PDB file of N, CA and C in Angstrom:
ATOM      1  N   MET A   1      34.779  51.798 -15.501  1.00  0.00           N
ATOM      2  CA  MET A   1      34.136  51.657 -14.240  1.00  0.00           C
ATOM      3  C   MET A   1      33.013  52.535 -14.041  1.00  0.00           C
ATOM      4  N   LYS A   2      31.941  52.014 -13.251  1.00  0.00           N
ATOM      5  CA  LYS A   2      30.882  52.772 -12.972  1.00  0.00           C
ATOM      6  C   LYS A   2      30.282  52.631 -11.531  1.00  0.00           C
ATOM      7  N   LYS A   3      29.707  53.641 -11.154  1.00  0.00           N
ATOM      8  CA  LYS A   3      29.059  53.615  -9.869  1.00  0.00           C
ATOM      9  C   LYS A   3      27.559  53.559 -10.027  1.00  0.00           C
ATOM     10  N   ILE A   4      26.903  52.648  -9.562  1.00  0.00           N
ATOM     11  CA  ILE A   4      25.375  52.638  -9.721  1.00  0.00           C
ATOM     12  C   ILE A   4      24.860  52.773  -8.344  1.00  0.00           C
ATOM     13  N   GLU A   5      23.872  53.692  -8.327  1.00  0.00           N
ATOM     14  CA  GLU A   5      23.117  54.173  -7.011  1.00  0.00           C
ATOM     15  C   GLU A   5      21.731  53.809  -7.412  1.00  0.00           C
ATOM     16  N   CYS A   6      21.081  53.077  -6.562  1.00  0.00           N
ATOM     17  CA  CYS A   6      19.681  52.757  -6.632  1.00  0.00           C
ATOM     18  C   CYS A   6      19.078  53.117  -5.430  1.00  0.00           C
ATOM     19  N   ILE A   7      17.819  53.910  -5.594  1.00  0.00           N
ATOM     20  CA  ILE A   7      16.955  54.349  -4.621  1.00  0.00           C
ATOM     21  C   ILE A   7      15.593  53.494  -4.742  1.00  0.00           C
ATOM     22  N   ILE A   8      15.514  52.565  -3.692  1.00  0.00           N
ATOM     23  CA  ILE A   8      14.462  51.691  -3.772  1.00  0.00           C
ATOM     24  C   ILE A   8      13.534  51.567  -2.618  1.00  0.00           C
ATOM     25  N   ARG A   9      12.366  50.992  -2.592  1.00  0.00           N
ATOM     26  CA  ARG A   9      11.546  50.634  -1.650  1.00  0.00           C
ATOM     27  C   ARG A   9      12.321  49.820  -0.592  1.00  0.00           C
ATOM     28  N   SER A  10      12.180  50.029   0.583  1.00  0.00           N
ATOM     29  CA  SER A  10      12.942  49.364   1.632  1.00  0.00           C
ATOM     30  C   SER A  10      12.633  47.911   1.759  1.00  0.00           C
ATOM     31  N   GLU A  11      11.319  47.579   1.463  1.00  0.00           N
ATOM     32  CA  GLU A  11      10.806  46.321   1.414  1.00  0.00           C
ATOM     33  C   GLU A  11      11.373  45.403   0.296  1.00  0.00           C
ATOM     34  N   MET A  12      11.928  45.952  -0.583  1.00  0.00           N
ATOM     35  CA  MET A  12      12.536  45.335  -1.876  1.00  0.00           C
ATOM     36  C   MET A  12      13.993  44.826  -1.677  1.00  0.00           C
ATOM     37  N   LEU A  13      14.559  45.275  -0.538  1.00  0.00           N
ATOM     38  CA  LEU A  13      16.023  45.132  -0.362  1.00  0.00           C
ATOM     39  C   LEU A  13      16.385  43.661  -0.320  1.00  0.00           C
ATOM     40  N   LYS A  14      15.685  42.764   0.510  1.00  0.00           N
ATOM     41  CA  LYS A  14      16.051  41.483   0.543  1.00  0.00           C
ATOM     42  C   LYS A  14      16.169  40.652  -0.829  1.00  0.00           C
ATOM     43  N   GLY A  15      15.113  40.846  -1.614  1.00  0.00           N
ATOM     44  CA  GLY A  15      15.059  40.055  -2.900  1.00  0.00           C
ATOM     45  C   GLY A  15      16.122  40.762  -3.833  1.00  0.00           C
ATOM     46  N   LEU A  16      16.487  42.071  -3.776  1.00  0.00           N
ATOM     47  CA  LEU A  16      17.568  42.756  -4.507  1.00  0.00           C
ATOM     48  C   LEU A  16      18.727  42.362  -4.258  1.00  0.00           C
ATOM     49  N   LYS A  17      19.178  42.102  -2.948  1.00  0.00           N
ATOM     50  CA  LYS A  17      20.508  41.491  -2.632  1.00  0.00           C
ATOM     51  C   LYS A  17      20.718  40.078  -3.048  1.00  0.00           C
ATOM     52  N   GLU A  18      19.629  39.395  -3.177  1.00  0.00           N
ATOM     53  CA  GLU A  18      19.818  38.082  -3.701  1.00  0.00           C
ATOM     54  C   GLU A  18      19.926  38.100  -5.301  1.00  0.00           C
ATOM     55  N   ALA A  19      19.222  38.958  -5.958  1.00  0.00           N
ATOM     56  CA  ALA A  19      19.306  39.150  -7.426  1.00  0.00           C
ATOM     57  C   ALA A  19      20.669  39.823  -7.861  1.00  0.00           C
ATOM     58  N   LEU A  20      21.184  40.621  -7.027  1.00  0.00           N
ATOM     59  CA  LEU A  20      22.507  41.255  -7.370  1.00  0.00           C
ATOM     60  C   LEU A  20      23.601  40.137  -7.218  1.00  0.00           C
ATOM     61  N   ARG A  21      23.407  39.345  -6.096  1.00  0.00           N
ATOM     62  CA  ARG A  21      24.554  38.344  -5.931  1.00  0.00           C
ATOM     63  C   ARG A  21      24.475  37.254  -7.098  1.00  0.00           C
ATOM     64  N   LEU A  22      23.356  36.861  -7.536  1.00  0.00           N
ATOM     65  CA  LEU A  22      23.232  36.141  -8.488  1.00  0.00           C
ATOM     66  C   LEU A  22      23.729  36.688  -9.950  1.00  0.00           C
ATOM     67  N   ALA A  23      23.663  37.919 -10.004  1.00  0.00           N
ATOM     68  CA  ALA A  23      24.367  38.571 -11.264  1.00  0.00           C
ATOM     69  C   ALA A  23      25.817  38.885 -11.116  1.00  0.00           C
ATOM     70  N   GLY A  24      26.403  38.481 -10.002  1.00  0.00           N
ATOM     71  CA  GLY A  24      27.901  38.689  -9.880  1.00  0.00           C
ATOM     72  C   GLY A  24      28.376  39.775  -9.073  1.00  0.00           C
ATOM     73  N   VAL A  25      27.591  40.454  -8.428  1.00  0.00           N
ATOM     74  CA  VAL A  25      28.055  41.659  -7.575  1.00  0.00           C
ATOM     75  C   VAL A  25      28.824  41.069  -6.391  1.00  0.00           C
ATOM     76  N   GLY A  26      30.043  41.565  -6.311  1.00  0.00           N
ATOM     77  CA  GLY A  26      30.940  41.172  -5.098  1.00  0.00           C
ATOM     78  C   GLY A  26      30.700  41.890  -3.903  1.00  0.00           C
ATOM     79  N   GLY A  27      30.141  42.986  -3.805  1.00  0.00           N
ATOM     80  CA  GLY A  27      29.744  43.835  -2.674  1.00  0.00           C
ATOM     81  C   GLY A  27      28.823  44.986  -3.006  1.00  0.00           C
ATOM     82  N   MET A  28      28.328  45.536  -1.967  1.00  0.00           N
ATOM     83  CA  MET A  28      27.364  46.751  -2.182  1.00  0.00           C
ATOM     84  C   MET A  28      27.327  47.508  -0.746  1.00  0.00           C
ATOM     85  N   THR A  29      27.027  48.633  -0.956  1.00  0.00           N
ATOM     86  CA  THR A  29      26.793  49.585   0.364  1.00  0.00           C
ATOM     87  C   THR A  29      25.358  49.934   0.438  1.00  0.00           C
ATOM     88  N   ILE A  30      24.738  49.906   1.519  1.00  0.00           N
ATOM     89  CA  ILE A  30      23.379  49.981   1.696  1.00  0.00           C
ATOM     90  C   ILE A  30      23.124  51.117   2.835  1.00  0.00           C
ATOM     91  N   THR A  31      22.255  51.942   2.560  1.00  0.00           N
ATOM     92  CA  THR A  31      21.963  53.157   3.578  1.00  0.00           C
ATOM     93  C   THR A  31      20.528  53.360   3.528  1.00  0.00           C
ATOM     94  N   GLU A  32      19.990  53.710   4.729  1.00  0.00           N
ATOM     95  CA  GLU A  32      18.589  53.917   4.907  1.00  0.00           C
ATOM     96  C   GLU A  32      18.519  55.533   4.768  1.00  0.00           C
ATOM     97  N   VAL A  33      17.660  55.962   3.704  1.00  0.00           N
ATOM     98  CA  VAL A  33      17.567  57.446   3.410  1.00  0.00           C
ATOM     99  C   VAL A  33      16.004  57.794   3.486  1.00  0.00           C
ATOM    100  N   LYS A  34      15.824  59.009   3.359  1.00  0.00           N
ATOM    101  CA  LYS A  34      14.505  59.577   3.196  1.00  0.00           C
ATOM    102  C   LYS A  34      14.541  60.661   2.103  1.00  0.00           C
ATOM    103  N   GLY A  35      13.298  60.552   1.452  1.00  0.00           N
ATOM    104  CA  GLY A  35      13.253  61.732   0.386  1.00  0.00           C
ATOM    105  C   GLY A  35      11.748  61.829  -0.192  1.00  0.00           C
ATOM    106  N   PHE A  36      11.710  62.582  -1.235  1.00  0.00           N
ATOM    107  CA  PHE A  36      10.444  62.482  -1.976  1.00  0.00           C
ATOM    108  C   PHE A  36      10.595  62.794  -3.473  1.00  0.00           C
ATOM    109  N   GLY A  37       9.656  62.267  -4.216  1.00  0.00           N
ATOM    110  CA  GLY A  37       9.715  62.458  -5.697  1.00  0.00           C
ATOM    111  C   GLY A  37       8.955  63.427  -6.235  1.00  0.00           C
ATOM    112  N   SER A  38       8.525  63.216  -7.488  1.00  0.00           N
ATOM    113  CA  SER A  38       7.806  64.225  -8.235  1.00  0.00           C
ATOM    114  C   SER A  38       6.281  64.065  -8.150  1.00  0.00           C
ATOM    115  N   GLU A  39       5.791  63.099  -7.503  1.00  0.00           N
ATOM    116  CA  GLU A  39       4.391  62.728  -7.356  1.00  0.00           C
ATOM    117  C   GLU A  39       3.555  64.066  -7.120  1.00  0.00           C
ATOM    118  N   ALA A  40       2.572  64.300  -7.805  1.00  0.00           N
ATOM    119  CA  ALA A  40       1.771  65.505  -7.669  1.00  0.00           C
ATOM    120  C   ALA A  40       0.847  65.565  -6.442  1.00  0.00           C
ATOM    121  N   THR A  41       0.509  64.378  -5.736  1.00  0.00           N
ATOM    122  CA  THR A  41      -0.139  64.337  -4.585  1.00  0.00           C
ATOM    123  C   THR A  41       0.434  64.440  -3.360  1.00  0.00           C
ATOM    124  N   ARG A  42       1.774  64.877  -3.326  1.00  0.00           N
ATOM    125  CA  ARG A  42       2.432  65.131  -1.979  1.00  0.00           C
ATOM    126  C   ARG A  42       1.964  66.470  -1.329  1.00  0.00           C
ATOM    127  N   PRO A  43       1.939  66.294   0.035  1.00  0.00           N
ATOM    128  CA  PRO A  43       1.351  67.443   0.721  1.00  0.00           C
ATOM    129  C   PRO A  43       2.198  68.787   0.784  1.00  0.00           C
ATOM    130  N   ASP A  44       1.692  69.819   1.005  1.00  0.00           N
ATOM    131  CA  ASP A  44       2.414  71.199   0.998  1.00  0.00           C
ATOM    132  C   ASP A  44       3.774  71.019   1.730  1.00  0.00           C
ATOM    133  N   ALA A  45       3.664  70.415   3.075  1.00  0.00           N
ATOM    134  CA  ALA A  45       4.743  70.088   3.832  1.00  0.00           C
ATOM    135  C   ALA A  45       5.279  68.874   3.329  1.00  0.00           C
ATOM    136  N   TYR A  46       6.517  68.864   2.708  1.00  0.00           N
ATOM    137  CA  TYR A  46       7.017  67.628   2.118  1.00  0.00           C
ATOM    138  C   TYR A  46       7.155  66.464   2.962  1.00  0.00           C
ATOM    139  N   LEU A  47       6.579  65.490   2.509  1.00  0.00           N
ATOM    140  CA  LEU A  47       6.649  63.995   3.174  1.00  0.00           C
ATOM    141  C   LEU A  47       7.711  63.258   2.720  1.00  0.00           C
ATOM    142  N   PHE A  48       8.699  63.182   3.695  1.00  0.00           N
ATOM    143  CA  PHE A  48       9.907  62.521   3.236  1.00  0.00           C
ATOM    144  C   PHE A  48       9.655  61.060   3.707  1.00  0.00           C
ATOM    145  N   LEU A  49       9.537  60.243   2.571  1.00  0.00           N
ATOM    146  CA  LEU A  49       9.363  58.735   2.750  1.00  0.00           C
ATOM    147  C   LEU A  49      10.698  57.847   2.962  1.00  0.00           C
ATOM    148  N   PRO A  50      10.709  56.866   3.811  1.00  0.00           N
ATOM    149  CA  PRO A  50      11.796  56.208   4.008  1.00  0.00           C
ATOM    150  C   PRO A  50      12.006  55.332   2.817  1.00  0.00           C
ATOM    151  N   LYS A  51      13.250  55.224   2.342  1.00  0.00           N
ATOM    152  CA  LYS A  51      13.688  54.609   1.194  1.00  0.00           C
ATOM    153  C   LYS A  51      15.095  53.914   1.640  1.00  0.00           C
ATOM    154  N   THR A  52      15.661  53.035   0.657  1.00  0.00           N
ATOM    155  CA  THR A  52      16.947  52.411   0.866  1.00  0.00           C
ATOM    156  C   THR A  52      17.837  52.838  -0.478  1.00  0.00           C
ATOM    157  N   LYS A  53      19.059  53.092  -0.111  1.00  0.00           N
ATOM    158  CA  LYS A  53      19.977  53.424  -1.128  1.00  0.00           C
ATOM    159  C   LYS A  53      21.137  52.320  -1.212  1.00  0.00           C
ATOM    160  N   VAL A  54      21.259  51.796  -2.329  1.00  0.00           N
ATOM    161  CA  VAL A  54      22.160  50.808  -2.691  1.00  0.00           C
ATOM    162  C   VAL A  54      23.258  51.249  -3.591  1.00  0.00           C
ATOM    163  N   GLU A  55      24.498  51.289  -3.306  1.00  0.00           N
ATOM    164  CA  GLU A  55      25.611  51.653  -4.014  1.00  0.00           C
ATOM    165  C   GLU A  55      26.440  50.455  -4.441  1.00  0.00           C
ATOM    166  N   ILE A  56      26.696  50.342  -5.883  1.00  0.00           N
ATOM    167  CA  ILE A  56      27.370  49.213  -6.246  1.00  0.00           C
ATOM    168  C   ILE A  56      28.534  49.768  -7.190  1.00  0.00           C
ATOM    169  N   TYR A  57      29.791  49.397  -7.141  1.00  0.00           N
ATOM    170  CA  TYR A  57      30.728  49.591  -8.128  1.00  0.00           C
ATOM    171  C   TYR A  57      30.931  48.498  -8.961  1.00  0.00           C
ATOM    172  N   ALA A  58      30.900  48.792 -10.310  1.00  0.00           N
ATOM    173  CA  ALA A  58      30.926  47.677 -11.419  1.00  0.00           C
ATOM    174  C   ALA A  58      31.707  48.027 -12.726  1.00  0.00           C
ATOM    175  N   ALA A  59      32.057  46.987 -13.284  1.00  0.00           N
ATOM    176  CA  ALA A  59      32.859  47.265 -14.653  1.00  0.00           C
ATOM    177  C   ALA A  59      31.734  47.627 -15.616  1.00  0.00           C
ATOM    178  N   ASP A  60      32.333  48.212 -16.488  1.00  0.00           N
ATOM    179  CA  ASP A  60      31.429  48.917 -17.669  1.00  0.00           C
ATOM    180  C   ASP A  60      30.420  47.894 -18.186  1.00  0.00           C
ATOM    181  N   GLU A  61      30.917  46.729 -18.569  1.00  0.00           N
ATOM    182  CA  GLU A  61      30.188  45.593 -19.135  1.00  0.00           C
ATOM    183  C   GLU A  61      28.952  45.129 -18.217  1.00  0.00           C
ATOM    184  N   GLN A  62      29.010  45.160 -17.002  1.00  0.00           N
ATOM    185  CA  GLN A  62      28.085  44.614 -16.059  1.00  0.00           C
ATOM    186  C   GLN A  62      26.870  45.600 -15.928  1.00  0.00           C
ATOM    187  N   VAL A  63      27.016  46.838 -16.267  1.00  0.00           N
ATOM    188  CA  VAL A  63      25.874  47.852 -15.878  1.00  0.00           C
ATOM    189  C   VAL A  63      24.433  47.513 -16.507  1.00  0.00           C
ATOM    190  N   GLN A  64      24.339  47.022 -17.538  1.00  0.00           N
ATOM    191  CA  GLN A  64      23.114  46.625 -18.172  1.00  0.00           C
ATOM    192  C   GLN A  64      22.392  45.538 -17.459  1.00  0.00           C
ATOM    193  N   GLU A  65      23.227  44.611 -17.141  1.00  0.00           N
ATOM    194  CA  GLU A  65      22.825  43.379 -16.542  1.00  0.00           C
ATOM    195  C   GLU A  65      22.317  43.656 -15.114  1.00  0.00           C
ATOM    196  N   LEU A  66      23.073  44.502 -14.436  1.00  0.00           N
ATOM    197  CA  LEU A  66      22.620  45.019 -13.035  1.00  0.00           C
ATOM    198  C   LEU A  66      21.492  45.866 -13.116  1.00  0.00           C
ATOM    199  N   ALA A  67      21.455  46.740 -13.955  1.00  0.00           N
ATOM    200  CA  ALA A  67      20.278  47.603 -13.928  1.00  0.00           C
ATOM    201  C   ALA A  67      18.877  46.815 -14.200  1.00  0.00           C
ATOM    202  N   ALA A  68      19.211  45.775 -15.050  1.00  0.00           N
ATOM    203  CA  ALA A  68      17.924  44.893 -15.322  1.00  0.00           C
ATOM    204  C   ALA A  68      17.608  44.104 -14.196  1.00  0.00           C
ATOM    205  N   ALA A  69      18.589  43.628 -13.377  1.00  0.00           N
ATOM    206  CA  ALA A  69      18.242  42.929 -12.130  1.00  0.00           C
ATOM    207  C   ALA A  69      17.515  43.905 -11.171  1.00  0.00           C
ATOM    208  N   VAL A  70      17.877  45.160 -11.012  1.00  0.00           N
ATOM    209  CA  VAL A  70      17.157  46.155 -10.092  1.00  0.00           C
ATOM    210  C   VAL A  70      15.818  46.349 -10.406  1.00  0.00           C
ATOM    211  N   ILE A  71      15.649  46.641 -11.931  1.00  0.00           N
ATOM    212  CA  ILE A  71      14.196  46.732 -12.432  1.00  0.00           C
ATOM    213  C   ILE A  71      13.490  45.579 -12.350  1.00  0.00           C
ATOM    214  N   ASP A  72      13.924  44.468 -12.627  1.00  0.00           N
ATOM    215  CA  ASP A  72      13.084  43.207 -12.493  1.00  0.00           C
ATOM    216  C   ASP A  72      12.702  42.915 -11.177  1.00  0.00           C
ATOM    217  N   THR A  73      13.372  43.258 -10.155  1.00  0.00           N
ATOM    218  CA  THR A  73      13.209  42.982  -8.592  1.00  0.00           C
ATOM    219  C   THR A  73      12.408  43.978  -7.986  1.00  0.00           C
ATOM    220  N   CYS A  74      12.595  45.175  -8.240  1.00  0.00           N
ATOM    221  CA  CYS A  74      12.024  46.212  -7.612  1.00  0.00           C
ATOM    222  C   CYS A  74      10.817  47.040  -8.279  1.00  0.00           C
ATOM    223  N   ARG A  75      10.494  46.736  -9.437  1.00  0.00           N
ATOM    224  CA  ARG A  75       9.435  47.398 -10.122  1.00  0.00           C
ATOM    225  C   ARG A  75       8.047  46.825  -9.692  1.00  0.00           C
ATOM    226  N   THR A  76       7.229  47.708  -9.212  1.00  0.00           N
ATOM    227  CA  THR A  76       5.883  47.481  -8.699  1.00  0.00           C
ATOM    228  C   THR A  76       5.012  48.036  -9.780  1.00  0.00           C
ATOM    229  N   GLY A  77       5.352  49.130 -10.578  1.00  0.00           N
ATOM    230  CA  GLY A  77       4.403  49.912 -11.384  1.00  0.00           C
ATOM    231  C   GLY A  77       3.761  51.121 -10.596  1.00  0.00           C
ATOM    232  N   GLU A  78       3.980  51.248  -9.457  1.00  0.00           N
ATOM    233  CA  GLU A  78       3.339  52.189  -8.592  1.00  0.00           C
ATOM    234  C   GLU A  78       4.295  53.438  -8.336  1.00  0.00           C
ATOM    235  N   LEU A  79       4.010  54.452  -8.006  1.00  0.00           N
ATOM    236  CA  LEU A  79       4.630  55.628  -7.647  1.00  0.00           C
ATOM    237  C   LEU A  79       5.626  55.275  -6.503  1.00  0.00           C
ATOM    238  N   GLY A  80       6.836  55.761  -6.461  1.00  0.00           N
ATOM    239  CA  GLY A  80       7.685  55.396  -5.471  1.00  0.00           C
ATOM    240  C   GLY A  80       8.747  54.223  -5.713  1.00  0.00           C
ATOM    241  N   ASP A  81       8.526  53.554  -6.873  1.00  0.00           N
ATOM    242  CA  ASP A  81       9.520  52.516  -7.029  1.00  0.00           C
ATOM    243  C   ASP A  81      11.016  52.872  -7.075  1.00  0.00           C
ATOM    244  N   GLY A  82      11.453  54.156  -7.247  1.00  0.00           N
ATOM    245  CA  GLY A  82      12.745  54.520  -7.150  1.00  0.00           C
ATOM    246  C   GLY A  82      13.484  54.845  -8.366  1.00  0.00           C
ATOM    247  N   LYS A  83      14.787  55.003  -8.290  1.00  0.00           N
ATOM    248  CA  LYS A  83      15.606  55.424  -9.473  1.00  0.00           C
ATOM    249  C   LYS A  83      16.925  54.669  -9.469  1.00  0.00           C
ATOM    250  N   ILE A  84      17.391  54.572 -10.541  1.00  0.00           N
ATOM    251  CA  ILE A  84      18.769  54.002 -10.902  1.00  0.00           C
ATOM    252  C   ILE A  84      19.736  55.148 -11.628  1.00  0.00           C
ATOM    253  N   ILE A  85      20.720  55.401 -10.794  1.00  0.00           N
ATOM    254  CA  ILE A  85      21.716  56.478 -11.279  1.00  0.00           C
ATOM    255  C   ILE A  85      23.127  55.683 -11.770  1.00  0.00           C
ATOM    256  N   VAL A  86      23.528  55.907 -12.828  1.00  0.00           N
ATOM    257  CA  VAL A  86      24.783  55.331 -13.276  1.00  0.00           C
ATOM    258  C   VAL A  86      25.722  56.481 -13.603  1.00  0.00           C
ATOM    259  N   SER A  87      26.887  56.380 -12.694  1.00  0.00           N
ATOM    260  CA  SER A  87      27.830  57.605 -12.991  1.00  0.00           C
ATOM    261  C   SER A  87      29.269  57.023 -13.287  1.00  0.00           C
ATOM    262  N   PRO A  88      30.037  57.550 -14.024  1.00  0.00           N
ATOM    263  CA  PRO A  88      31.537  57.152 -14.303  1.00  0.00           C
ATOM    264  C   PRO A  88      32.322  57.260 -13.109  1.00  0.00           C
ATOM    265  N   MET A  89      33.247  56.384 -12.998  1.00  0.00           N
ATOM    266  CA  MET A  89      34.212  56.424 -11.874  1.00  0.00           C
ATOM    267  C   MET A  89      35.566  56.524 -12.487  1.00  0.00           C
ATOM    268  N   ASP A  90      36.327  57.674 -12.012  1.00  0.00           N
ATOM    269  CA  ASP A  90      37.690  57.747 -12.588  1.00  0.00           C
ATOM    270  C   ASP A  90      38.675  56.800 -12.010  1.00  0.00           C
ATOM    271  N   GLU A  91      38.638  56.341 -10.698  1.00  0.00           N
ATOM    272  CA  GLU A  91      39.416  55.514 -10.158  1.00  0.00           C
ATOM    273  C   GLU A  91      38.866  54.606  -8.994  1.00  0.00           C
ATOM    274  N   CYS A  92      39.353  53.430  -8.716  1.00  0.00           N
ATOM    275  CA  CYS A  92      38.870  52.734  -7.465  1.00  0.00           C
ATOM    276  C   CYS A  92      40.280  52.218  -7.068  1.00  0.00           C
ATOM    277  N   ILE A  93      40.393  52.434  -5.658  1.00  0.00           N
ATOM    278  CA  ILE A  93      41.624  51.865  -5.006  1.00  0.00           C
ATOM    279  C   ILE A  93      41.178  51.037  -3.831  1.00  0.00           C
ATOM    280  N   ARG A  94      41.595  49.743  -3.598  1.00  0.00           N
ATOM    281  CA  ARG A  94      41.323  48.947  -2.474  1.00  0.00           C
ATOM    282  C   ARG A  94      42.398  49.315  -1.413  1.00  0.00           C
ATOM    283  N   ILE A  95      42.049  49.804  -0.319  1.00  0.00           N
ATOM    284  CA  ILE A  95      43.026  50.235   0.659  1.00  0.00           C
ATOM    285  C   ILE A  95      43.949  49.305   1.068  1.00  0.00           C
ATOM    286  N   ARG A  96      43.421  48.173   1.626  1.00  0.00           N
ATOM    287  CA  ARG A  96      44.268  46.937   2.107  1.00  0.00           C
ATOM    288  C   ARG A  96      45.398  46.580   1.206  1.00  0.00           C
ATOM    289  N   THR A  97      45.075  46.333  -0.136  1.00  0.00           N
ATOM    290  CA  THR A  97      46.158  45.755  -1.118  1.00  0.00           C
ATOM    291  C   THR A  97      46.707  46.913  -2.041  1.00  0.00           C
ATOM    292  N   GLY A  98      46.103  48.063  -2.214  1.00  0.00           N
ATOM    293  CA  GLY A  98      46.454  49.029  -3.197  1.00  0.00           C
ATOM    294  C   GLY A  98      46.143  48.695  -4.618  1.00  0.00           C
ATOM    295  N   GLN A  99      45.264  47.610  -4.661  1.00  0.00           N
ATOM    296  CA  GLN A  99      44.867  47.422  -6.111  1.00  0.00           C
ATOM    297  C   GLN A  99      44.093  48.395  -6.799  1.00  0.00           C
ATOM    298  N   ARG A 100      44.180  48.626  -7.962  1.00  0.00           N
ATOM    299  CA  ARG A 100      43.306  49.865  -8.755  1.00  0.00           C
ATOM    300  C   ARG A 100      42.446  49.235  -9.841  1.00  0.00           C
ATOM    301  N   GLY A 101      41.505  50.122 -10.217  1.00  0.00           N
ATOM    302  CA  GLY A 101      40.434  49.837 -11.273  1.00  0.00           C
ATOM    303  C   GLY A 101      39.668  48.536 -10.937  1.00  0.00           C
ATOM    304  N   ASP A 102      39.472  47.793 -11.995  1.00  0.00           N
ATOM    305  CA  ASP A 102      38.533  46.685 -11.882  1.00  0.00           C
ATOM    306  C   ASP A 102      39.069  45.722 -10.753  1.00  0.00           C
ATOM    307  N   GLU A 103      40.319  45.621 -10.640  1.00  0.00           N
ATOM    308  CA  GLU A 103      40.968  44.545  -9.671  1.00  0.00           C
ATOM    309  C   GLU A 103      40.418  44.913  -8.228  1.00  0.00           C
ATOM    310  N   ALA A 104      40.263  46.241  -8.024  1.00  0.00           N
ATOM    311  CA  ALA A 104      39.729  46.813  -6.751  1.00  0.00           C
ATOM    312  C   ALA A 104      38.281  46.539  -6.431  1.00  0.00           C
ATOM    313  N   ILE A 105      37.595  46.344  -7.663  1.00  0.00           N
ATOM    314  CA  ILE A 105      36.203  45.972  -7.402  1.00  0.00           C
ATOM    315  C   ILE A 105      35.810  44.661  -7.174  1.00  0.00           C
ATOM    316  N   PHE A 106      36.573  43.651  -7.732  1.00  0.00           N
ATOM    317  CA  PHE A 106      36.307  42.193  -7.608  1.00  0.00           C
ATOM    318  C   PHE A 106      36.992  41.648  -6.573  1.00  0.00           C
TER     319      PHE A 106
END
């Protein structure tokens, strides 16, 4: 199991939600965030730009397809397109049913 975190341009969210649904994602968590990257042109007083963070829990075999969907949907080729972070998950438990692992994700 993996946790996929995507920091994207906020205006890309609508298209990304549809692309992820078509790729088989059963759910996601979306948070409005602010941050800055490594661009050399940022001002001395850091400019925190609005971004959107999308969190997805996925089976190991889904990761490449989901990452490709994010890249295909969110890449503009300009600074600030964002990041994708893939982290291992030790356990996932659905509170309502007590299901564990992949069963709790889908």
